[in-house]
Structures are given as structure tokens and as C-alpha cells.
C-alpha atoms as a PDB file:
ATOM      1  CA  MET A   1     269.272  -7.681-138.595  1.00  0.00           C
ATOM      2  CA  THR A   2     269.654  -8.747-142.221  1.00  0.00           C
ATOM      3  CA  LEU A   3     267.049  -7.973-144.887  1.00  0.00           C
ATOM      4  CA  ALA A   4     266.139 -11.646-145.120  1.00  0.00           C
ATOM      5  CA  GLU A   5     265.578 -11.820-141.355  1.00  0.00           C
ATOM      6  CA  ALA A   6     263.527  -8.624-141.455  1.00  0.00           C
ATOM      7  CA  LEU A   7     261.367  -9.947-144.278  1.00  0.00           C
ATOM      8  CA  SER A   8     260.707 -13.185-142.426  1.00  0.00           C
ATOM      9  CA  SER A   9     259.770 -11.252-139.305  1.00  0.00           C
ATOM     10  CA  VAL A  10     257.406  -8.863-141.099  1.00  0.00           C
ATOM     11  CA  ILE A  11     255.544 -11.366-143.293  1.00  0.00           C
ATOM     12  CA  ALA A  12     254.947 -13.605-140.289  1.00  0.00           C
ATOM     13  CA  LYS A  13     252.863 -10.824-138.735  1.00  0.00           C
ATOM     14  CA  CYS A  14     250.729  -9.594-141.625  1.00  0.00           C
ATOM     15  CA  ASP A  15     249.036 -10.636-144.864  1.00  0.00           C
ATOM     16  CA  LEU A  16     252.018 -10.206-147.195  1.00  0.00           C
ATOM     17  CA  ASP A  17     254.531 -12.361-149.008  1.00  0.00           C
ATOM     18  CA  ARG A  18     258.151 -11.330-149.529  1.00  0.00           C
ATOM     19  CA  ALA A  19     257.621  -9.689-152.908  1.00  0.00           C
ATOM     20  CA  GLN A  20     254.592  -7.742-151.682  1.00  0.00           C
ATOM     21  CA  ALA A  21     256.433  -6.540-148.569  1.00  0.00           C
ATOM     22  CA  LEU A  22     259.344  -5.241-150.631  1.00  0.00           C
ATOM     23  CA  LYS A  23     257.022  -3.569-153.148  1.00  0.00           C
ATOM     24  CA  LEU A  24     254.957  -1.930-150.420  1.00  0.00           C
ATOM     25  CA  LEU A  25     257.714  -0.835-148.045  1.00  0.00           C
ATOM     26  CA  GLY A  26     261.002  -1.049-149.902  1.00  0.00           C
ATOM     27  CA  GLU A  27     264.122  -2.522-148.288  1.00  0.00           C
ATOM     28  CA  ASP A  28     264.537   0.338-145.798  1.00  0.00           C
ATOM     29  CA  GLY A  29     260.845   0.152-144.869  1.00  0.00           C
ATOM     30  CA  VAL A  30     261.031  -3.584-144.254  1.00  0.00           C
ATOM     31  CA  LEU A  31     264.036  -3.149-141.975  1.00  0.00           C
ATOM     32  CA  LYS A  32     262.292  -0.331-140.140  1.00  0.00           C
ATOM     33  CA  ALA A  33     259.078  -2.341-139.761  1.00  0.00           C
ATOM     34  CA  ALA A  34     260.939  -5.325-138.335  1.00  0.00           C
ATOM     35  CA  LYS A  35     262.668  -3.146-135.743  1.00  0.00           C
ATOM     36  CA  LEU A  36     259.409  -1.432-134.778  1.00  0.00           C
ATOM     37  CA  LEU A  37     257.630  -4.763-134.290  1.00  0.00           C
ATOM     38  CA  GLU A  38     260.427  -6.614-132.520  1.00  0.00           C
ATOM     39  CA  GLY A  39     259.452  -7.234-128.900  1.00  0.00           C
ATOM     40  CA  ASN A  40     256.500  -4.805-129.016  1.00  0.00           C
ATOM     41  CA  THR A  41     253.265  -6.694-128.404  1.00  0.00           C
ATOM     42  CA  ALA A  42     250.978  -3.701-128.919  1.00  0.00           C
ATOM     43  CA  ARG A  43     252.426  -2.916-132.359  1.00  0.00           C
ATOM     44  CA  VAL A  44     252.302  -6.559-133.385  1.00  0.00           C
ATOM     45  CA  GLU A  45     248.631  -6.775-132.368  1.00  0.00           C
ATOM     46  CA  PHE A  46     247.884  -3.590-134.322  1.00  0.00           C
ATOM     47  CA  VAL A  47     249.424  -5.053-137.472  1.00  0.00           C
ATOM     48  CA  GLU A  48     247.823  -8.465-136.998  1.00  0.00           C
ATOM     49  CA  LYS A  49     244.421  -6.773-136.740  1.00  0.00           C
ATOM     50  CA  LEU A  50     244.818  -4.173-139.496  1.00  0.00           C
ATOM     51  CA  GLY A  51     247.020  -6.067-141.935  1.00  0.00           C
ATOM     52  CA  HIS A  52     249.471  -4.635-144.409  1.00  0.00           C
ATOM     53  CA  LEU A  53     247.667  -1.279-144.521  1.00  0.00           C
ATOM     54  CA  GLY A  54     248.064  -0.944-140.777  1.00  0.00           C
ATOM     55  CA  LEU A  55     251.725  -1.875-141.155  1.00  0.00           C
ATOM     56  CA  VAL A  56     252.311   0.884-143.718  1.00  0.00           C
ATOM     57  CA  ARG A  57     250.602   3.478-141.528  1.00  0.00           C
ATOM     58  CA  LEU A  58     252.559   2.297-138.487  1.00  0.00           C
ATOM     59  CA  VAL A  59     255.890   2.589-140.300  1.00  0.00           C
ATOM     60  CA  ASP A  60     254.950   6.056-141.580  1.00  0.00           C
ATOM     61  CA  ALA A  61     254.060   7.045-138.006  1.00  0.00           C
ATOM     62  CA  ASP A  62     257.417   5.771-136.665  1.00  0.00           C
ATOM     63  CA  GLY A  63     255.631   3.189-134.541  1.00  0.00           C
ATOM     64  CA  ASP A  64     253.107   5.573-132.954  1.00  0.00           C
ATOM     65  CA  ILE A  65     249.937   3.454-132.830  1.00  0.00           C
ATOM     66  CA  ALA A  66     247.569   6.316-132.028  1.00  0.00           C
ATOM     67  CA  LYS A  67     248.949   8.409-134.884  1.00  0.00           C
ATOM     68  CA  ALA A  68     248.754   5.493-137.322  1.00  0.00           C
ATOM     69  CA  GLN A  69     245.138   4.775-136.378  1.00  0.00           C
ATOM     70  CA  LYS A  70     244.221   8.461-136.696  1.00  0.00           C
ATOM     71  CA  VAL A  71     245.562   8.505-140.254  1.00  0.00           C
ATOM     72  CA  MET A  72     243.514   5.417-141.087  1.00  0.00           C
ATOM     73  CA  GLU A  73     240.409   7.035-139.619  1.00  0.00           C
ATOM     74  CA  ASP A  74     240.990  10.272-141.516  1.00  0.00           C
ATOM     75  CA  LYS A  75     241.315   8.317-144.767  1.00  0.00           C
ATOM     76  CA  VAL A  76     238.223   6.210-143.887  1.00  0.00           C
ATOM     77  CA  GLU A  77     240.319   3.047-144.132  1.00  0.00           C
ATOM     78  CA  VAL A  78     238.790   1.818-140.876  1.00  0.00           C
ATOM     79  CA  VAL A  79     235.670   2.385-138.809  1.00  0.00           C
ATOM     80  CA  THR A  80     235.654   2.264-135.025  1.00  0.00           C
ATOM     81  CA  ILE A  81     233.434   0.614-132.441  1.00  0.00           C
ATOM     82  CA  TYR A  82     234.049   2.158-129.018  1.00  0.00           C
ATOM     83  CA  GLY A  83     237.416   3.315-130.316  1.00  0.00           C
ATOM     84  CA  GLU A  84     238.542  -0.074-131.661  1.00  0.00           C
ATOM     85  CA  PRO A  85     239.406   0.021-135.388  1.00  0.00           C
ATOM     86  CA  PHE A  86     238.021  -2.415-137.943  1.00  0.00           C
ATOM     87  CA  LEU A  87     239.001  -2.971-141.565  1.00  0.00           C
ATOM     88  CA  PRO A  88     236.262  -3.349-144.223  1.00  0.00           C
ATOM     89  CA  THR A  89     234.491  -6.691-144.232  1.00  0.00           C
ATOM     90  CA  SER A  90     234.270  -6.601-148.062  1.00  0.00           C
ATOM     91  CA  ARG A  91     234.205  -4.324-151.094  1.00  0.00           C
ATOM     92  CA  MET A  92     230.658  -5.299-152.014  1.00  0.00           C
ATOM     93  CA  GLY A  93     229.094  -1.846-151.730  1.00  0.00           C
ATOM     94  CA  GLY A  94     225.313  -1.851-151.990  1.00  0.00           C
ATOM     95  CA  TRP A  95     222.375   0.467-152.583  1.00  0.00           C
ATOM     96  CA  HIS A  96     222.270   3.993-151.173  1.00  0.00           C
ATOM     97  CA  GLY A  97     219.062   6.010-151.213  1.00  0.00           C
ATOM     98  CA  THR A  98     218.796   9.794-151.270  1.00  0.00           C
ATOM     99  CA  GLY A  99     216.350  12.440-152.350  1.00  0.00           C
ATOM    100  CA  ASP A 100     219.020  15.139-152.479  1.00  0.00           C
ATOM    101  CA  ILE A 101     221.384  14.083-155.297  1.00  0.00           C
ATOM    102  CA  SER A 102     220.275  13.653-158.920  1.00  0.00           C
ATOM    103  CA  PRO A 103     221.907  11.176-161.323  1.00  0.00           C
ATOM    104  CA  GLU A 104     223.248  14.121-163.339  1.00  0.00           C
ATOM    105  CA  VAL A 105     225.257  15.209-160.306  1.00  0.00           C
ATOM    106  CA  ALA A 106     226.119  11.722-159.031  1.00  0.00           C
ATOM    107  CA  PHE A 107     227.315  10.393-162.402  1.00  0.00           C
ATOM    108  CA  ASN A 108     229.521  13.417-163.042  1.00  0.00           C
ATOM    109  CA  PHE A 109     230.796  14.279-159.580  1.00  0.00           C
ATOM    110  CA  GLY A 110     230.016  11.277-157.375  1.00  0.00           C
ATOM    111  CA  LEU A 111     228.511  11.373-153.901  1.00  0.00           C
ATOM    112  CA  PRO A 112     230.149  14.065-151.786  1.00  0.00           C
ATOM    113  CA  ASP A 113     231.961  13.961-148.487  1.00  0.00           C
ATOM    114  CA  ASP A 114     229.636  16.655-147.204  1.00  0.00           C
ATOM    115  CA  LYS A 115     229.369  16.042-143.473  1.00  0.00           C
ATOM    116  CA  GLY A 116     232.281  15.265-141.185  1.00  0.00           C
ATOM    117  CA  SER A 117     235.200  12.969-140.458  1.00  0.00           C
ATOM    118  CA  ASP A 118     233.745  10.735-137.733  1.00  0.00           C
ATOM    119  CA  VAL A 119     234.103   6.994-138.414  1.00  0.00           C
ATOM    120  CA  ASP A 120     232.331   5.877-135.212  1.00  0.00           C
ATOM    121  CA  LEU A 121     230.088   3.107-136.549  1.00  0.00           C
ATOM    122  CA  VAL A 122     227.865   3.021-133.472  1.00  0.00           C
ATOM    123  CA  ALA A 123     227.139   6.745-133.680  1.00  0.00           C
ATOM    124  CA  HIS A 124     226.532   6.546-137.425  1.00  0.00           C
ATOM    125  CA  VAL A 125     224.108   3.614-137.350  1.00  0.00           C
ATOM    126  CA  LEU A 126     222.308   4.021-134.038  1.00  0.00           C
ATOM    127  CA  GLU A 127     222.507   7.764-133.397  1.00  0.00           C
ATOM    128  CA  ASN A 128     222.260   9.146-136.953  1.00  0.00           C
ATOM    129  CA  ASN A 129     225.472  11.084-136.400  1.00  0.00           C
ATOM    130  CA  GLY A 130     225.475  14.245-138.505  1.00  0.00           C
ATOM    131  CA  GLU A 131     229.289  14.333-138.536  1.00  0.00           C
ATOM    132  CA  ALA A 132     229.776  10.852-139.976  1.00  0.00           C
ATOM    133  CA  ALA A 133     232.243  10.198-142.789  1.00  0.00           C
ATOM    134  CA  LEU A 134     230.056   7.212-143.751  1.00  0.00           C
ATOM    135  CA  ARG A 135     226.960   6.392-145.793  1.00  0.00           C
ATOM    136  CA  GLY A 136     224.491   3.602-145.233  1.00  0.00           C
ATOM    137  CA  THR A 137     223.754   0.990-147.885  1.00  0.00           C
ATOM    138  CA  THR A 138     221.480  -2.019-148.168  1.00  0.00           C
ATOM    139  CA  PRO A 139     221.958  -5.210-150.231  1.00  0.00           C
ATOM    140  CA  GLN A 140     218.820  -4.477-152.321  1.00  0.00           C
ATOM    141  CA  PRO A 141     216.777  -1.322-152.971  1.00  0.00           C
ATOM    142  CA  PHE A 142     213.917  -2.810-150.942  1.00  0.00           C
ATOM    143  CA  THR A 143     213.565  -5.697-148.517  1.00  0.00           C
ATOM    144  CA  PRO A 144     211.139  -8.431-149.725  1.00  0.00           C
ATOM    145  CA  ASP A 145     208.270  -6.851-147.783  1.00  0.00           C
ATOM    146  CA  GLY A 146     209.100  -3.437-149.256  1.00  0.00           C
ATOM    147  CA  LYS A 147     209.210  -1.792-145.839  1.00  0.00           C
ATOM    148  CA  GLN A 148     212.955  -1.174-145.558  1.00  0.00           C
ATOM    149  CA  GLY A 149     215.948  -0.550-147.778  1.00  0.00           C
ATOM    150  CA  ALA A 150     217.624   2.239-149.702  1.00  0.00           C
ATOM    151  CA  GLY A 151     214.424   2.956-151.641  1.00  0.00           C
ATOM    152  CA  GLN A 152     212.662   3.841-148.408  1.00  0.00           C
ATOM    153  CA  TRP A 153     215.513   6.190-147.492  1.00  0.00           C
ATOM    154  CA  ALA A 154     215.196   7.899-150.885  1.00  0.00           C
ATOM    155  CA  GLY A 155     211.428   8.398-150.736  1.00  0.00           C
ATOM    156  CA  ASP A 156     209.063   9.258-153.570  1.00  0.00           C
ATOM    157  CA  GLY A 157     210.971  11.063-156.321  1.00  0.00           C
ATOM    158  CA  GLY A 158     214.358  10.116-154.904  1.00  0.00           C
ATOM    159  CA  TRP A 159     217.041   7.768-156.221  1.00  0.00           C
ATOM    160  CA  ALA A 160     218.553   4.468-155.129  1.00  0.00           C
ATOM    161  CA  TYR A 161     222.160   4.307-156.335  1.00  0.00           C
ATOM    162  CA  GLU A 162     223.920   1.004-156.927  1.00  0.00           C
ATOM    163  CA  ILE A 163     227.508   1.371-155.652  1.00  0.00           C
ATOM    164  CA  ARG A 164     230.156  -1.309-156.165  1.00  0.00           C
ATOM    165  CA  ASP A 165     233.787  -2.097-155.312  1.00  0.00           C
ATOM    166  CA  VAL A 166     234.181   0.304-152.396  1.00  0.00           C
ATOM    167  CA  PRO A 167     235.274  -0.420-148.793  1.00  0.00           C
ATOM    168  CA  THR A 168     232.225  -1.879-147.049  1.00  0.00           C
ATOM    169  CA  TRP A 169     231.540  -2.613-143.393  1.00  0.00           C
ATOM    170  CA  ASP A 170     228.759  -5.131-142.668  1.00  0.00           C
ATOM    171  CA  VAL A 171     227.007  -3.604-139.659  1.00  0.00           C
ATOM    172  CA  ASN A 172     225.330  -6.787-138.427  1.00  0.00           C
ATOM    173  CA  GLN A 173     228.586  -8.721-138.633  1.00  0.00           C
ATOM    174  CA  LEU A 174     230.630  -6.102-136.802  1.00  0.00           C
ATOM    175  CA  PHE A 175     228.027  -5.356-134.144  1.00  0.00           C
ATOM    176  CA  GLU A 176     227.468  -9.027-133.273  1.00  0.00           C
ATOM    177  CA  GLY A 177     228.121  -9.366-129.546  1.00  0.00           C
ATOM    178  CA  ARG A 178     229.949  -6.006-129.450  1.00  0.00           C
ATOM    179  CA  LEU A 179     227.265  -3.441-128.612  1.00  0.00           C
ATOM    180  CA  LYS A 180     226.914  -2.394-125.001  1.00  0.00           C
ATOM    181  CA  GLY A 181     223.425  -3.015-123.674  1.00  0.00           C
ATOM    182  CA  PRO A 182     221.757  -0.914-120.963  1.00  0.00           C
ATOM    183  CA  ASP A 183     222.495  -3.577-118.355  1.00  0.00           C
ATOM    184  CA  GLY A 184     226.191  -3.706-119.215  1.00  0.00           C
ATOM    185  CA  SER A 185     225.938  -6.882-121.278  1.00  0.00           C
ATOM    186  CA  TYR A 186     227.007  -7.110-124.913  1.00  0.00           C
ATOM    187  CA  VAL A 187     224.289  -7.457-127.534  1.00  0.00           C
ATOM    188  CA  ASP A 188     223.797  -7.607-131.314  1.00  0.00           C
ATOM    189  CA  ASN A 189     222.544  -4.879-133.638  1.00  0.00           C
ATOM    190  CA  PRO A 190     219.012  -3.826-132.573  1.00  0.00           C
ATOM    191  CA  LEU A 191     218.378  -2.727-136.183  1.00  0.00           C
ATOM    192  CA  ARG A 192     219.459  -6.066-137.616  1.00  0.00           C
ATOM    193  CA  GLY A 193     216.480  -6.249-139.967  1.00  0.00           C
ATOM    194  CA  GLU A 194     217.697  -3.243-141.950  1.00  0.00           C
ATOM    195  CA  LEU A 195     220.635  -5.337-143.260  1.00  0.00           C
ATOM    196  CA  GLU A 196     222.703  -2.169-143.361  1.00  0.00           C
ATOM    197  CA  SER A 197     226.314  -1.835-144.382  1.00  0.00           C
ATOM    198  CA  SER A 198     228.396   1.329-144.282  1.00  0.00           C
ATOM    199  CA  ILE A 199     230.703   2.761-146.923  1.00  0.00           C
ATOM    200  CA  PRO A 200     232.863   5.908-147.092  1.00  0.00           C
ATOM    201  CA  ARG A 201     230.687   8.971-147.591  1.00  0.00           C
ATOM    202  CA  ARG A 202     232.716  10.115-150.583  1.00  0.00           C
ATOM    203  CA  VAL A 203     231.946   7.889-153.588  1.00  0.00           C
ATOM    204  CA  PRO A 204     233.692   8.720-156.899  1.00  0.00           C
ATOM    205  CA  PRO A 205     231.384   8.530-159.948  1.00  0.00           C
ATOM    206  CA  GLU A 206     233.164   5.540-161.487  1.00  0.00           C
ATOM    207  CA  TYR A 207     231.973   3.355-158.577  1.00  0.00           C
ATOM    208  CA  ILE A 208     228.289   4.160-159.157  1.00  0.00           C
ATOM    209  CA  LYS A 209     226.772   1.575-161.499  1.00  0.00           C
ATOM    210  CA  GLY A 210     223.474   3.375-161.962  1.00  0.00           C
ATOM    211  CA  ALA A 211     220.310   4.580-160.265  1.00  0.00           C
ATOM    212  CA  TRP A 212     216.706   3.514-159.847  1.00  0.00           C
ATOM    213  CA  LYS A 213     214.088   6.248-159.697  1.00  0.00           C
ATOM    214  CA  ILE A 214     211.854   5.684-156.657  1.00  0.00           C
ATOM    215  CA  ILE A 215     208.151   6.282-157.221  1.00  0.00           C
ATOM    216  CA  GLU A 216     204.999   5.890-155.163  1.00  0.00           C
ATOM    217  CA  ARG A 217     202.145   3.824-156.518  1.00  0.00           C
ATOM    218  CA  HIS A 218     198.976   2.959-154.600  1.00  0.00           C
ATOM    219  CA  GLY A 219     200.513   4.060-151.322  1.00  0.00           C
ATOM    220  CA  SER A 220     203.731   2.054-151.683  1.00  0.00           C
ATOM    221  CA  LEU A 221     207.204   2.954-152.852  1.00  0.00           C
ATOM    222  CA  ARG A 222     208.596   0.958-155.747  1.00  0.00           C
ATOM    223  CA  LEU A 223     211.241   1.031-158.466  1.00  0.00           C
ATOM    224  CA  GLY A 224     210.690   3.261-161.483  1.00  0.00           C
ATOM    225  CA  ASP A 225     213.127   3.778-164.336  1.00  0.00           C
ATOM    226  CA  TRP A 226     216.724   2.494-164.257  1.00  0.00           C
ATOM    227  CA  ILE A 227     219.433   4.887-165.458  1.00  0.00           C
ATOM    228  CA  PRO A 228     222.882   3.360-166.076  1.00  0.00           C
ATOM    229  CA  ASN A 229     225.983   5.429-165.349  1.00  0.00           C
ATOM    230  CA  PRO A 230     228.120   5.737-168.516  1.00  0.00           C
ATOM    231  CA  LYS A 231     231.146   6.564-166.360  1.00  0.00           C
ATOM    232  CA  TYR A 232     230.914   3.401-164.257  1.00  0.00           C
ATOM    233  CA  LYS A 233     234.262   1.625-164.395  1.00  0.00           C
ATOM    234  CA  GLY A 234     232.573  -1.684-165.149  1.00  0.00           C
ATOM    235  CA  ALA A 235     230.591  -0.295-168.082  1.00  0.00           C
ATOM    236  CA  SER A 236     231.299  -1.911-171.439  1.00  0.00           C
END
């Protein structure tokens, strides 16, 4: 197989053009990828689902799909739903609430990967998995009625951190029609109203825009002072 034929074969199966494929894999990698994908439906489906990142991991794993997926899970490049891997739906980020990490720590060291390596999205969202490599976020600190959102997770005296430009998995979108109901049918997210997304648990400080102090007034939680992060990569 010539390089030109290999390039045509590879770019037809993933989200790359010729220049990107050569930059990402090199000539030898492109030839190897084409040979690995030729006539192998399972590998082609893996790459079609997980894009160029899946292709790189597959080439590095010499075509071993299970090994490639495990690497992606370990790097929190995918989450899984009943073992099936999913790429991020965006890099939007969101608001994460906690009463355990002060801005002084978060702005200097980020949010830690302090639990486990599990990327099972169902266990993280519905079972509060203590071994998750993920954090929950919401699109705003509080929902319009004030009853849900990152501010509620933080509690009085806690902090709601605004996190941007990180891999983000929209829980409602990914759970739609994929969750197994008690009767064997497939259902949507039962916690749909939380509007939760998930992000990697480890968040470097430069991706944290700032933090709202959460305070209680007249029996309700609300936003207090805003503290910008001087190390945020988007800061002027």
C-alpha cells in the first residue's frame, strides 16, 4: 500500500485531513493505521466513534481495542456508559461547588485528582461513586429557583468555581434513551433537572476562571463575593 493510498484510507474513517493525519501519526503511523483498519470492522467502528484520538490510541496499542480504550479511560479522554466509551460532548466546563477547597488552594494548585480512576458515568452521577475520576458541574451556580446547582453542592461558606475549556460530558444528552430502567426498558436521566455535566476530576489552575463565595441569607443560599483567578489562562 502506498502512502497516498494509506492516507486516503485513514482520513475516510476519522475526522482528519491529510496534513493533520501526517502531523499526528507520521508516515509510518499512517501506513500502520491503514493496515490495522483494513478489513477489520471492529477497529473501524472504534475509530469512527472515537475519532482521531481513538485512532492514535489504537495505533499505539497495535490494534488492540481493549488496550486502546483502557488508555483513554486512564487519561479521562472518554467516559463509559455500561462499558461503551464516549468522547466529550464539548469543552464548555461549568460551575463546580465544594466546601473543601479554598480559592487559595484552587488558584495555585487546581482541583485535585483525589479519588479514583473510574470513568463510569452512570456510577458517578446516579450512585455517587467514591472512586470516580470525574467531577460534576452545572451551567450556572444556581438554577432559577435556587434549589439546585453548584452553589447548593458547596453549601454555606463554600465556593462555586467557574471552570472553562476542559473536556465536558453533558449527562442529559448522553443518558438520553441509554439508561436501563427496572423493567428492562431504556430511559432518560432521572436527575434531568440538575442539568449536570461531568468533567475530569483533575482541573489545572489555569482553567479555573474564578470563584463565588456561597453564603446563606434568610434561609437561602446565594452568591457572595466573586474572586477572579489571576492565573486563569483567559485573564487579561
